[in-house]
Amino acid sequence: MPRGISLTEFQKGQAIAYINDGKTILEITGILKISKSAISEFLKNPDAHGKREKTGRPRKLTPKEQRNLLRQLKKRGASIPTAQRESGLTHITRQIAFNYVQRSKQFQFKKRKHHPKWTKNILLID
């Protein structure tokens, strides 16, 4: 979610041109219909406007590792733990790998069907 209004390239150029012509920030806000704070923040540092570094926790897997995990899962009968082992992703948990697979939208998770245990009720007769 953006922290504030982002000026278009045209609006940035207009603001710089009006400042060079000697107009005040209040006059520019009236002309461009943009808030005073947006114009003043842009004019403080025009080169860095809208280029703030992203914050937050970095991802556990690189895009290459994600592709490798999904490639291993496409093999017939592959499970998440086996795909993890084969792609060398020992630094993540099974749950993290499961979340990446769910987010990929290439696979649809289905629980296995319940199969009754036949060995309980079978009588072996010689």
N, C-alpha and C. Protein backbone atom coordinates (compact mmCIF):
# COMPACT_ATOMS: atom_id res chain seq x y z
N MET A 1 0.84 -1.17 0.00
CA MET A 1 0.00 0.00 0.00
C MET A 1 0.89 1.23 0.00
N PRO A 2 0.68 2.17 -0.94
CA PRO A 2 1.53 3.34 -1.02
C PRO A 2 1.35 4.25 0.18
N ARG A 3 2.42 4.92 0.52
CA ARG A 3 2.39 5.82 1.67
C ARG A 3 1.72 7.14 1.33
N GLY A 4 1.72 7.54 0.09
CA GLY A 4 1.12 8.80 -0.30
C GLY A 4 0.94 8.85 -1.79
N ILE A 5 0.64 10.05 -2.29
CA ILE A 5 0.39 10.20 -3.72
C ILE A 5 1.72 10.10 -4.47
N SER A 6 1.67 9.45 -5.61
CA SER A 6 2.85 9.35 -6.46
C SER A 6 2.61 10.23 -7.67
N LEU A 7 3.53 11.14 -7.92
CA LEU A 7 3.38 12.07 -9.03
C LEU A 7 3.77 11.41 -10.34
N THR A 8 3.05 11.74 -11.39
CA THR A 8 3.41 11.24 -12.71
C THR A 8 4.62 12.02 -13.22
N GLU A 9 5.26 11.52 -14.26
CA GLU A 9 6.42 12.20 -14.83
C GLU A 9 6.03 13.59 -15.34
N PHE A 10 4.84 13.70 -15.91
CA PHE A 10 4.36 14.99 -16.41
C PHE A 10 4.19 15.99 -15.27
N GLN A 11 3.59 15.53 -14.16
CA GLN A 11 3.39 16.41 -13.00
C GLN A 11 4.72 16.83 -12.39
N LYS A 12 5.69 15.90 -12.35
CA LYS A 12 7.01 16.24 -11.83
C LYS A 12 7.66 17.33 -12.68
N GLY A 13 7.57 17.16 -13.99
CA GLY A 13 8.15 18.16 -14.90
C GLY A 13 7.47 19.51 -14.76
N GLN A 14 6.14 19.50 -14.61
CA GLN A 14 5.42 20.76 -14.43
C GLN A 14 5.83 21.44 -13.14
N ALA A 15 5.95 20.67 -12.05
CA ALA A 15 6.32 21.25 -10.76
C ALA A 15 7.70 21.89 -10.83
N ILE A 16 8.64 21.23 -11.46
CA ILE A 16 10.00 21.79 -11.58
C ILE A 16 9.98 23.05 -12.45
N ALA A 17 9.20 23.02 -13.53
CA ALA A 17 9.11 24.18 -14.41
C ALA A 17 8.50 25.38 -13.68
N TYR A 18 7.45 25.14 -12.89
CA TYR A 18 6.82 26.23 -12.16
C TYR A 18 7.75 26.80 -11.09
N ILE A 19 8.52 25.95 -10.43
CA ILE A 19 9.48 26.43 -9.43
C ILE A 19 10.55 27.27 -10.10
N ASN A 20 11.03 26.82 -11.27
CA ASN A 20 12.04 27.59 -12.02
C ASN A 20 11.48 28.93 -12.50
N ASP A 21 10.17 29.00 -12.74
CA ASP A 21 9.53 30.26 -13.13
C ASP A 21 9.33 31.19 -11.95
N GLY A 22 9.54 30.68 -10.72
CA GLY A 22 9.43 31.53 -9.54
C GLY A 22 8.09 31.42 -8.82
N LYS A 23 7.30 30.43 -9.13
CA LYS A 23 6.01 30.25 -8.45
C LYS A 23 6.24 29.61 -7.09
N THR A 24 5.35 29.88 -6.15
CA THR A 24 5.44 29.27 -4.82
C THR A 24 4.78 27.90 -4.84
N ILE A 25 5.02 27.15 -3.76
CA ILE A 25 4.43 25.81 -3.67
C ILE A 25 2.91 25.90 -3.61
N LEU A 26 2.38 26.90 -2.91
CA LEU A 26 0.93 27.05 -2.83
C LEU A 26 0.32 27.36 -4.20
N GLU A 27 1.01 28.14 -5.00
CA GLU A 27 0.51 28.42 -6.35
C GLU A 27 0.53 27.15 -7.21
N ILE A 28 1.59 26.37 -7.05
CA ILE A 28 1.71 25.13 -7.82
C ILE A 28 0.62 24.15 -7.43
N THR A 29 0.32 24.05 -6.13
CA THR A 29 -0.73 23.12 -5.69
C THR A 29 -2.09 23.53 -6.25
N GLY A 30 -2.33 24.83 -6.37
CA GLY A 30 -3.58 25.29 -6.96
C GLY A 30 -3.67 24.98 -8.44
N ILE A 31 -2.55 25.07 -9.14
CA ILE A 31 -2.55 24.82 -10.58
C ILE A 31 -2.66 23.32 -10.88
N LEU A 32 -1.85 22.51 -10.18
CA LEU A 32 -1.79 21.07 -10.46
C LEU A 32 -2.84 20.25 -9.72
N LYS A 33 -3.52 20.86 -8.75
CA LYS A 33 -4.53 20.17 -7.93
C LYS A 33 -3.93 18.97 -7.19
N ILE A 34 -2.74 19.20 -6.62
CA ILE A 34 -2.04 18.18 -5.83
C ILE A 34 -1.75 18.79 -4.47
N SER A 35 -1.71 17.97 -3.44
CA SER A 35 -1.51 18.49 -2.09
C SER A 35 -0.15 19.17 -1.94
N LYS A 36 -0.12 20.10 -0.97
CA LYS A 36 1.10 20.86 -0.71
C LYS A 36 2.24 19.96 -0.27
N SER A 37 1.90 18.96 0.57
CA SER A 37 2.94 18.07 1.08
C SER A 37 3.54 17.22 -0.03
N ALA A 38 2.72 16.79 -0.99
CA ALA A 38 3.23 15.97 -2.09
C ALA A 38 4.21 16.77 -2.95
N ILE A 39 3.86 18.02 -3.23
CA ILE A 39 4.75 18.87 -4.03
C ILE A 39 6.04 19.17 -3.27
N SER A 40 5.91 19.54 -1.99
CA SER A 40 7.11 19.91 -1.23
C SER A 40 8.03 18.71 -1.01
N GLU A 41 7.47 17.52 -0.77
CA GLU A 41 8.31 16.32 -0.61
C GLU A 41 9.04 15.99 -1.90
N PHE A 42 8.37 16.17 -3.03
CA PHE A 42 9.02 15.92 -4.31
C PHE A 42 10.15 16.91 -4.55
N LEU A 43 9.90 18.19 -4.25
CA LEU A 43 10.90 19.21 -4.52
C LEU A 43 12.10 19.14 -3.57
N LYS A 44 11.94 18.51 -2.40
CA LYS A 44 13.08 18.33 -1.49
C LYS A 44 14.15 17.47 -2.13
N ASN A 45 13.72 16.37 -2.77
CA ASN A 45 14.66 15.45 -3.40
C ASN A 45 14.00 14.82 -4.62
N PRO A 46 14.03 15.50 -5.77
CA PRO A 46 13.32 15.00 -6.95
C PRO A 46 13.83 13.66 -7.47
N ASP A 47 15.13 13.39 -7.31
CA ASP A 47 15.69 12.14 -7.84
C ASP A 47 15.22 10.91 -7.08
N ALA A 48 14.98 11.05 -5.77
CA ALA A 48 14.62 9.89 -4.95
C ALA A 48 13.11 9.75 -4.78
N HIS A 49 12.31 10.61 -5.41
CA HIS A 49 10.86 10.54 -5.22
C HIS A 49 10.29 9.25 -5.78
N GLY A 50 9.56 8.50 -4.94
CA GLY A 50 8.91 7.26 -5.36
C GLY A 50 9.84 6.08 -5.46
N LYS A 51 11.04 6.18 -4.92
CA LYS A 51 12.00 5.09 -5.03
C LYS A 51 12.44 4.59 -3.66
N ARG A 52 11.54 4.60 -2.72
CA ARG A 52 11.87 4.13 -1.38
C ARG A 52 12.10 2.63 -1.40
N GLU A 53 13.09 2.19 -0.63
CA GLU A 53 13.43 0.78 -0.59
C GLU A 53 12.31 0.00 0.10
N LYS A 54 12.04 -1.18 -0.40
CA LYS A 54 10.99 -2.03 0.17
C LYS A 54 11.42 -2.53 1.54
N THR A 55 10.47 -2.57 2.46
CA THR A 55 10.75 -3.08 3.79
C THR A 55 10.07 -4.42 3.96
N GLY A 56 10.37 -5.09 5.04
CA GLY A 56 9.72 -6.36 5.33
C GLY A 56 10.70 -7.50 5.31
N ARG A 57 10.21 -8.64 5.68
CA ARG A 57 11.04 -9.83 5.76
C ARG A 57 11.37 -10.34 4.36
N PRO A 58 12.64 -10.67 4.10
CA PRO A 58 12.98 -11.20 2.79
C PRO A 58 12.45 -12.62 2.60
N ARG A 59 12.25 -13.01 1.37
CA ARG A 59 11.73 -14.34 1.07
C ARG A 59 12.77 -15.41 1.39
N LYS A 60 12.27 -16.59 1.76
CA LYS A 60 13.16 -17.70 2.09
C LYS A 60 13.79 -18.30 0.83
N LEU A 61 13.03 -18.34 -0.26
CA LEU A 61 13.52 -18.97 -1.49
C LEU A 61 13.72 -17.92 -2.58
N THR A 62 14.77 -18.10 -3.34
CA THR A 62 14.98 -17.26 -4.51
C THR A 62 14.06 -17.74 -5.63
N PRO A 63 13.83 -16.93 -6.65
CA PRO A 63 12.98 -17.40 -7.76
C PRO A 63 13.51 -18.67 -8.41
N LYS A 64 14.83 -18.82 -8.48
CA LYS A 64 15.41 -20.02 -9.06
C LYS A 64 15.09 -21.25 -8.21
N GLU A 65 15.17 -21.11 -6.87
CA GLU A 65 14.84 -22.22 -5.98
C GLU A 65 13.36 -22.57 -6.06
N GLN A 66 12.51 -21.57 -6.20
CA GLN A 66 11.07 -21.83 -6.35
C GLN A 66 10.80 -22.64 -7.61
N ARG A 67 11.41 -22.24 -8.73
CA ARG A 67 11.21 -22.97 -9.98
C ARG A 67 11.70 -24.40 -9.86
N ASN A 68 12.84 -24.58 -9.18
CA ASN A 68 13.41 -25.91 -9.02
C ASN A 68 12.47 -26.80 -8.18
N LEU A 69 11.90 -26.23 -7.11
CA LEU A 69 10.96 -26.98 -6.27
C LEU A 69 9.74 -27.41 -7.08
N LEU A 70 9.18 -26.49 -7.86
CA LEU A 70 8.00 -26.81 -8.66
C LEU A 70 8.33 -27.83 -9.74
N ARG A 71 9.53 -27.75 -10.31
CA ARG A 71 9.95 -28.72 -11.33
C ARG A 71 10.04 -30.11 -10.73
N GLN A 72 10.55 -30.22 -9.50
CA GLN A 72 10.65 -31.52 -8.84
C GLN A 72 9.26 -32.08 -8.53
N LEU A 73 8.32 -31.20 -8.20
CA LEU A 73 6.97 -31.66 -7.86
C LEU A 73 6.19 -32.14 -9.08
N LYS A 74 6.57 -31.72 -10.26
CA LYS A 74 5.86 -32.15 -11.47
C LYS A 74 6.14 -33.60 -11.81
N LYS A 75 7.19 -34.16 -11.22
CA LYS A 75 7.49 -35.57 -11.46
C LYS A 75 6.38 -36.42 -10.85
N ARG A 76 6.06 -37.51 -11.49
CA ARG A 76 4.96 -38.37 -11.05
C ARG A 76 5.24 -38.94 -9.66
N GLY A 77 4.27 -38.82 -8.78
CA GLY A 77 4.37 -39.40 -7.45
C GLY A 77 5.23 -38.62 -6.49
N ALA A 78 5.64 -37.42 -6.85
CA ALA A 78 6.50 -36.64 -5.97
C ALA A 78 5.68 -36.00 -4.85
N SER A 79 6.27 -35.97 -3.68
CA SER A 79 5.64 -35.28 -2.56
C SER A 79 6.50 -34.07 -2.21
N ILE A 80 5.99 -33.21 -1.36
CA ILE A 80 6.74 -32.01 -1.01
C ILE A 80 8.06 -32.35 -0.32
N PRO A 81 8.09 -33.26 0.67
CA PRO A 81 9.38 -33.57 1.29
C PRO A 81 10.41 -34.17 0.31
N THR A 82 9.96 -35.03 -0.60
CA THR A 82 10.92 -35.60 -1.56
C THR A 82 11.40 -34.54 -2.54
N ALA A 83 10.51 -33.66 -2.97
CA ALA A 83 10.91 -32.58 -3.88
C ALA A 83 11.89 -31.64 -3.19
N GLN A 84 11.68 -31.42 -1.91
CA GLN A 84 12.59 -30.58 -1.13
C GLN A 84 13.98 -31.19 -1.10
N ARG A 85 14.04 -32.49 -0.79
CA ARG A 85 15.33 -33.17 -0.70
C ARG A 85 16.06 -33.18 -2.04
N GLU A 86 15.32 -33.48 -3.11
CA GLU A 86 15.93 -33.59 -4.43
C GLU A 86 16.41 -32.24 -4.96
N SER A 87 15.73 -31.17 -4.57
CA SER A 87 16.17 -29.85 -5.04
C SER A 87 17.15 -29.20 -4.07
N GLY A 88 17.48 -29.88 -2.97
CA GLY A 88 18.50 -29.38 -2.05
C GLY A 88 18.03 -28.25 -1.16
N LEU A 89 16.76 -28.21 -0.85
CA LEU A 89 16.21 -27.13 -0.02
C LEU A 89 16.06 -27.61 1.42
N THR A 90 17.17 -27.83 2.08
CA THR A 90 17.12 -28.30 3.46
C THR A 90 16.99 -27.15 4.45
N HIS A 91 17.12 -25.91 4.00
CA HIS A 91 17.06 -24.76 4.90
C HIS A 91 15.64 -24.25 5.14
N ILE A 92 14.64 -24.89 4.53
CA ILE A 92 13.25 -24.48 4.77
C ILE A 92 12.46 -25.66 5.31
N THR A 93 11.36 -25.35 5.99
CA THR A 93 10.52 -26.40 6.55
C THR A 93 9.53 -26.89 5.49
N ARG A 94 8.87 -28.00 5.81
CA ARG A 94 7.87 -28.56 4.90
C ARG A 94 6.71 -27.58 4.73
N GLN A 95 6.35 -26.87 5.80
CA GLN A 95 5.24 -25.93 5.74
C GLN A 95 5.55 -24.76 4.81
N ILE A 96 6.77 -24.26 4.85
CA ILE A 96 7.15 -23.16 3.97
C ILE A 96 7.10 -23.62 2.52
N ALA A 97 7.60 -24.82 2.26
CA ALA A 97 7.54 -25.37 0.89
C ALA A 97 6.09 -25.53 0.45
N PHE A 98 5.23 -26.01 1.34
CA PHE A 98 3.81 -26.18 1.04
C PHE A 98 3.18 -24.83 0.69
N ASN A 99 3.54 -23.77 1.44
CA ASN A 99 2.99 -22.44 1.17
C ASN A 99 3.42 -21.93 -0.21
N TYR A 100 4.67 -22.17 -0.58
CA TYR A 100 5.14 -21.76 -1.91
C TYR A 100 4.38 -22.50 -3.00
N VAL A 101 4.13 -23.78 -2.79
CA VAL A 101 3.41 -24.58 -3.79
C VAL A 101 1.98 -24.08 -3.91
N GLN A 102 1.34 -23.77 -2.79
CA GLN A 102 -0.03 -23.26 -2.83
C GLN A 102 -0.10 -21.92 -3.55
N ARG A 103 0.88 -21.05 -3.32
CA ARG A 103 0.90 -19.74 -3.93
C ARG A 103 1.17 -19.79 -5.43
N SER A 104 1.77 -20.87 -5.90
CA SER A 104 2.17 -20.95 -7.31
C SER A 104 0.97 -21.10 -8.25
N LYS A 105 -0.13 -21.65 -7.79
CA LYS A 105 -1.36 -21.86 -8.56
C LYS A 105 -1.17 -22.86 -9.70
N GLN A 106 -0.05 -23.57 -9.73
CA GLN A 106 0.14 -24.62 -10.73
C GLN A 106 -0.38 -25.95 -10.22
N PHE A 107 -0.47 -26.07 -8.90
CA PHE A 107 -0.90 -27.32 -8.29
C PHE A 107 -2.13 -27.05 -7.44
N GLN A 108 -2.94 -28.08 -7.30
CA GLN A 108 -4.11 -27.99 -6.44
C GLN A 108 -3.98 -29.08 -5.39
N PHE A 109 -4.02 -28.69 -4.13
CA PHE A 109 -3.83 -29.64 -3.05
C PHE A 109 -5.09 -30.46 -2.85
N LYS A 110 -4.93 -31.77 -2.82
CA LYS A 110 -6.03 -32.67 -2.53
C LYS A 110 -5.55 -33.66 -1.49
N LYS A 111 -6.37 -33.87 -0.48
CA LYS A 111 -6.02 -34.88 0.51
C LYS A 111 -6.23 -36.25 -0.10
N ARG A 112 -5.45 -37.18 0.35
CA ARG A 112 -5.60 -38.55 -0.15
C ARG A 112 -6.91 -39.14 0.34
N LYS A 113 -7.45 -40.05 -0.46
CA LYS A 113 -8.68 -40.72 -0.06
C LYS A 113 -8.38 -41.67 1.09
N HIS A 114 -9.34 -41.78 1.97
CA HIS A 114 -9.18 -42.69 3.10
C HIS A 114 -9.44 -44.12 2.62
N HIS A 115 -8.50 -44.99 2.89
CA HIS A 115 -8.65 -46.39 2.51
C HIS A 115 -8.80 -47.21 3.78
N PRO A 116 -9.78 -48.10 3.83
CA PRO A 116 -9.95 -48.91 5.04
C PRO A 116 -8.79 -49.89 5.19
N LYS A 117 -8.49 -50.20 6.42
CA LYS A 117 -7.44 -51.18 6.69
C LYS A 117 -8.05 -52.57 6.60
N TRP A 118 -7.60 -53.34 5.65
CA TRP A 118 -8.16 -54.66 5.42
C TRP A 118 -7.61 -55.70 6.38
N THR A 119 -6.48 -55.45 6.96
CA THR A 119 -5.82 -56.48 7.75
C THR A 119 -6.50 -56.76 9.08
N LYS A 120 -7.33 -55.87 9.57
CA LYS A 120 -7.96 -56.08 10.88
C LYS A 120 -8.94 -57.25 10.88
N ASN A 121 -9.75 -57.35 9.86
CA ASN A 121 -10.85 -58.31 9.88
C ASN A 121 -10.60 -59.57 9.04
N ILE A 122 -9.41 -59.73 8.55
CA ILE A 122 -9.14 -60.90 7.71
C ILE A 122 -8.69 -62.07 8.59
N LEU A 123 -9.32 -63.19 8.36
CA LEU A 123 -8.93 -64.42 9.07
C LEU A 123 -8.19 -65.31 8.09
N LEU A 124 -7.03 -65.70 8.48
CA LEU A 124 -6.26 -66.60 7.62
C LEU A 124 -6.59 -68.03 7.99
N ILE A 125 -7.10 -68.78 7.03
CA ILE A 125 -7.48 -70.17 7.27
C ILE A 125 -6.60 -71.05 6.39
N ASP A 126 -6.03 -72.07 7.01
CA ASP A 126 -5.19 -73.00 6.25
C ASP A 126 -6.00 -74.05 5.60
